[in-house]
């Protein structure tokens, strides 16, 4: 296992208000699945957001996932805030943080390229039926965005190759859904979100403050407090 899960688990232990020891953080990281490419790191924003979700109980005891579109990453946590795994992901081919009206009702091939976005924000999701794919894990049912294993229906899209590449720059290819490896889906996602959960999708263009205002206010207050204490 590469060290990213260990570093993230320890950072979360330090970020959360609950007293979590470094030993417990190490045990947490040992149980986590790390599929991120060699040398790829997790952003400070993701670490701080995860710590805030746990400390503020924003997910209300439900498991949660943080999805970083810029880094093409998905991080999954259980209901107690323990890291379950981190993996690369594919996102909508168009940059943008909102869903165009009516997109959810269109066939995939009918969605204009400019509207193939993965919306940003906080979503309460869960498993439910779909028209063409059976039972799927909806991140946001209203916009038709689901979290599911990669599909290989269009060979020219090379989704498996994009997912396996070390760079996040080629991970924008879907119609809006979030794609992960079948292994990560079966081992981590399916078992974690069987009863639903909360999904936090970081923005492409909008600010973090606009997307997650309560988190941003808390982060700003903590930064201001730290600066005052340092004087």
Protein backbone atom coordinates (compact mmCIF):
# COMPACT_ATOMS: atom_id res chain seq x y z
CA UNK A 1 0.00 0.00 0.00
CA UNK A 2 1.26 3.46 -0.83
CA UNK A 3 1.49 6.03 1.98
CA UNK A 4 -1.34 8.35 0.96
CA UNK A 5 -3.95 6.59 3.11
CA UNK A 6 -1.67 6.68 6.14
CA UNK A 7 -0.96 10.37 5.68
CA UNK A 8 -4.64 11.15 5.16
CA UNK A 9 -5.74 9.12 8.18
CA UNK A 10 -3.22 10.89 10.41
CA UNK A 11 -4.21 14.29 9.01
CA UNK A 12 -7.85 13.51 9.71
CA UNK A 13 -6.96 12.51 13.25
CA UNK A 14 -5.35 15.91 13.75
CA UNK A 15 -8.18 17.77 12.00
CA UNK A 16 -11.04 16.25 13.97
CA UNK A 17 -12.11 17.45 17.38
CA UNK A 18 -12.41 13.89 18.73
CA UNK A 19 -9.21 12.60 20.33
CA UNK A 20 -7.86 10.13 17.78
CA UNK A 21 -4.36 8.83 18.42
CA UNK A 22 -1.66 8.34 15.79
CA UNK A 23 -1.81 4.61 16.58
CA UNK A 24 -5.51 4.51 15.77
CA UNK A 25 -4.88 6.51 12.61
CA UNK A 26 -2.25 3.98 11.54
CA UNK A 27 -4.71 1.14 12.13
CA UNK A 28 -7.31 3.02 10.12
CA UNK A 29 -4.96 3.47 7.18
CA UNK A 30 -3.99 -0.21 7.24
CA UNK A 31 -7.62 -1.16 6.69
CA UNK A 32 -8.16 1.38 3.89
CA UNK A 33 -7.89 0.49 0.21
CA UNK A 34 -5.56 2.76 -1.74
CA UNK A 35 -5.93 2.69 -5.51
CA UNK A 36 -4.51 6.17 -6.17
CA UNK A 37 -1.64 6.34 -8.68
CA UNK A 38 1.90 6.20 -7.32
CA UNK A 39 2.98 9.57 -5.94
CA UNK A 40 -0.47 11.19 -6.16
CA UNK A 41 -1.41 13.25 -3.11
CA UNK A 42 -4.70 14.36 -1.57
CA UNK A 43 -5.39 18.10 -1.44
CA UNK A 44 -5.51 20.10 1.78
CA UNK A 45 -9.10 21.08 0.92
CA UNK A 46 -10.17 17.43 0.84
CA UNK A 47 -8.44 16.70 4.15
CA UNK A 48 -9.93 19.78 5.81
CA UNK A 49 -13.40 19.07 4.43
CA UNK A 50 -13.28 15.48 5.68
CA UNK A 51 -12.18 16.66 9.11
CA UNK A 52 -15.01 19.21 9.18
CA UNK A 53 -17.63 16.63 8.15
CA UNK A 54 -16.58 14.40 11.04
CA UNK A 55 -16.17 17.16 13.61
CA UNK A 56 -19.45 18.89 12.74
CA UNK A 57 -21.33 15.62 12.21
CA UNK A 58 -22.54 17.05 8.91
CA UNK A 59 -23.20 13.58 7.49
CA UNK A 60 -25.37 12.78 10.53
CA UNK A 61 -23.76 9.41 11.09
CA UNK A 62 -24.10 8.27 7.50
CA UNK A 63 -21.10 7.21 5.44
CA UNK A 64 -19.80 9.86 3.09
CA UNK A 65 -17.58 10.35 0.08
CA UNK A 66 -15.56 13.34 -1.07
CA UNK A 67 -15.07 13.68 -4.81
CA UNK A 68 -12.32 15.94 -6.10
CA UNK A 69 -12.93 16.64 -9.77
CA UNK A 70 -9.65 18.52 -10.29
CA UNK A 71 -7.59 15.64 -8.90
CA UNK A 72 -9.96 12.97 -10.28
CA UNK A 73 -10.24 11.27 -6.89
CA UNK A 74 -12.94 9.66 -4.76
CA UNK A 75 -12.40 9.14 -1.03
CA UNK A 76 -14.87 7.02 0.95
CA UNK A 77 -15.49 7.18 4.72
CA UNK A 78 -17.73 5.13 6.97
CA UNK A 79 -20.37 6.57 9.29
CA UNK A 80 -17.80 7.21 12.03
CA UNK A 81 -15.48 9.07 9.71
CA UNK A 82 -12.95 6.28 9.22
CA UNK A 83 -11.27 6.26 5.83
CA UNK A 84 -12.33 3.18 3.87
CA UNK A 85 -10.54 3.86 0.63
CA UNK A 86 -9.24 6.26 -1.98
CA UNK A 87 -9.34 5.73 -5.73
CA UNK A 88 -9.06 7.55 -9.07
CA UNK A 89 -12.31 8.36 -10.84
CA UNK A 90 -13.69 9.59 -14.14
CA UNK A 91 -15.96 12.63 -14.22
CA UNK A 92 -18.08 14.58 -16.71
CA UNK A 93 -16.23 15.60 -19.86
CA UNK A 94 -17.43 19.21 -19.57
CA UNK A 95 -16.20 21.47 -16.79
CA UNK A 96 -18.95 23.09 -14.77
CA UNK A 97 -20.69 22.79 -11.44
CA UNK A 98 -24.36 22.81 -12.36
CA UNK A 99 -26.65 20.51 -14.34
CA UNK A 100 -28.45 21.90 -17.37
CA UNK A 101 -32.27 21.75 -17.11
CA UNK A 102 -33.75 18.60 -18.61
CA UNK A 103 -30.47 16.69 -18.93
CA UNK A 104 -31.58 13.91 -16.57
CA UNK A 105 -34.38 12.98 -18.97
CA UNK A 106 -32.19 12.67 -22.07
CA UNK A 107 -30.58 9.57 -23.53
CA UNK A 108 -26.81 9.69 -23.01
CA UNK A 109 -26.04 10.22 -26.69
CA UNK A 110 -28.50 13.12 -26.78
CA UNK A 111 -26.75 15.13 -24.04
CA UNK A 112 -24.85 18.04 -25.66
CA UNK A 113 -21.12 18.03 -24.98
CA UNK A 114 -21.29 21.31 -23.06
CA UNK A 115 -23.85 19.82 -20.67
CA UNK A 116 -21.88 16.71 -19.71
CA UNK A 117 -20.99 18.10 -16.30
CA UNK A 118 -20.67 16.54 -12.87
CA UNK A 119 -22.47 18.94 -10.51
CA UNK A 120 -20.71 20.18 -7.39
CA UNK A 121 -22.20 20.37 -3.91
CA UNK A 122 -23.52 18.30 -1.04
CA UNK A 123 -25.88 15.53 -2.07
CA UNK A 124 -27.81 12.91 -0.13
CA UNK A 125 -27.87 9.77 -2.26
CA UNK A 126 -28.54 6.08 -2.24
CA UNK A 127 -29.38 3.03 -4.29
CA UNK A 128 -32.41 3.11 -6.53
CA UNK A 129 -33.69 1.94 -9.92
CA UNK A 130 -32.61 3.36 -13.24
CA UNK A 131 -34.17 3.11 -16.69
CA UNK A 132 -31.31 1.32 -18.42
CA UNK A 133 -28.80 0.10 -15.81
CA UNK A 134 -30.87 -1.62 -13.14
CA UNK A 135 -30.18 -0.67 -9.53
CA UNK A 136 -27.53 2.04 -9.25
CA UNK A 137 -26.03 4.25 -6.57
CA UNK A 138 -27.44 7.71 -7.20
CA UNK A 139 -25.27 10.61 -6.06
CA UNK A 140 -27.92 13.07 -7.20
CA UNK A 141 -31.08 11.51 -8.57
CA UNK A 142 -32.53 14.81 -9.83
CA UNK A 143 -29.58 15.42 -12.16
CA UNK A 144 -29.17 11.75 -13.09
CA UNK A 145 -25.65 11.45 -11.67
CA UNK A 146 -24.62 8.06 -10.31
CA UNK A 147 -21.43 6.50 -8.93
CA UNK A 148 -20.74 3.24 -10.75
CA UNK A 149 -17.97 1.06 -12.20
CA UNK A 150 -16.43 2.07 -15.50
CA UNK A 151 -18.24 1.00 -18.63
CA UNK A 152 -16.47 -0.05 -21.83
CA UNK A 153 -19.35 0.38 -24.24
CA UNK A 154 -17.48 2.94 -26.37
CA UNK A 155 -13.94 1.62 -26.96
CA UNK A 156 -12.73 4.93 -28.38
CA UNK A 157 -13.30 6.59 -24.99
CA UNK A 158 -10.62 4.33 -23.43
CA UNK A 159 -12.14 4.67 -19.96
CA UNK A 160 -10.06 1.88 -18.41
CA UNK A 161 -6.85 3.40 -19.74
CA UNK A 162 -7.82 6.87 -18.53
CA UNK A 163 -8.63 5.53 -15.07
CA UNK A 164 -5.27 3.74 -14.90
CA UNK A 165 -3.17 6.71 -16.01
CA UNK A 166 -1.09 8.58 -13.45
CA UNK A 167 -2.39 12.00 -14.52
CA UNK A 168 -5.87 13.34 -13.67
CA UNK A 169 -5.89 15.44 -16.84
CA UNK A 170 -7.46 12.70 -18.99
CA UNK A 171 -10.15 11.66 -16.50
CA UNK A 172 -12.88 13.91 -17.88
CA UNK A 173 -14.82 11.67 -20.26
CA UNK A 174 -18.23 10.66 -18.87
CA UNK A 175 -21.68 12.13 -19.50
CA UNK A 176 -21.73 13.37 -15.90
CA UNK A 177 -21.60 10.22 -13.79
CA UNK A 178 -18.62 9.28 -11.63
CA UNK A 179 -16.84 6.10 -12.73
CA UNK A 180 -14.47 4.02 -10.59
CA UNK A 181 -12.81 0.63 -10.92
CA UNK A 182 -15.04 -2.45 -10.53
CA UNK A 183 -12.82 -3.67 -7.69
CA UNK A 184 -13.13 -0.47 -5.68
CA UNK A 185 -16.86 -0.38 -6.32
CA UNK A 186 -17.44 -3.93 -5.11
CA UNK A 187 -15.01 -3.89 -2.16
CA UNK A 188 -15.65 -0.39 -0.84
CA UNK A 189 -18.52 1.54 -2.40
CA UNK A 190 -21.23 -1.12 -2.51
CA UNK A 191 -20.72 -2.24 1.07
CA UNK A 192 -20.34 1.29 2.45
CA UNK A 193 -23.38 2.90 0.83
CA UNK A 194 -25.87 0.02 0.92
CA UNK A 195 -28.16 2.21 3.06
CA UNK A 196 -27.25 5.48 1.39
CA UNK A 197 -24.91 8.29 2.33
CA UNK A 198 -23.77 11.84 1.75
CA UNK A 199 -21.65 12.91 -1.22
CA UNK A 200 -19.49 16.04 -1.34
CA UNK A 201 -18.37 17.00 -4.85
CA UNK A 202 -15.74 19.73 -5.06
CA UNK A 203 -16.30 22.41 -7.71
CA UNK A 204 -14.55 23.05 -11.03
CA UNK A 205 -15.22 26.78 -11.31
CA UNK A 206 -17.28 27.89 -8.32
CA UNK A 207 -15.53 28.70 -5.06
CA UNK A 208 -15.43 26.31 -2.14
CA UNK A 209 -17.15 29.03 -0.08
CA UNK A 210 -20.05 29.12 -2.54
CA UNK A 211 -20.31 25.34 -2.73
CA UNK A 212 -19.89 24.53 0.98
CA UNK A 213 -20.59 27.77 2.87
CA UNK A 214 -20.71 26.29 6.40
CA UNK A 215 -17.40 24.50 5.92
CA UNK A 216 -15.83 27.64 4.48
CA UNK A 217 -17.00 29.75 7.41
CA UNK A 218 -15.55 27.29 9.90
CA UNK A 219 -12.25 27.09 8.02
CA UNK A 220 -12.00 30.87 7.85
CA UNK A 221 -12.74 31.21 11.56
CA UNK A 222 -10.09 28.62 12.43
CA UNK A 223 -7.53 30.33 10.21
CA UNK A 224 -8.33 33.71 11.75
CA UNK A 225 -8.05 32.24 15.25
CA UNK A 226 -4.70 30.71 14.39
CA UNK A 227 -3.36 33.98 13.03
CA UNK A 228 -4.45 35.87 16.13
CA UNK A 229 -2.85 33.29 18.40
CA UNK A 230 0.42 33.59 16.49
CA UNK A 231 0.74 37.34 17.07
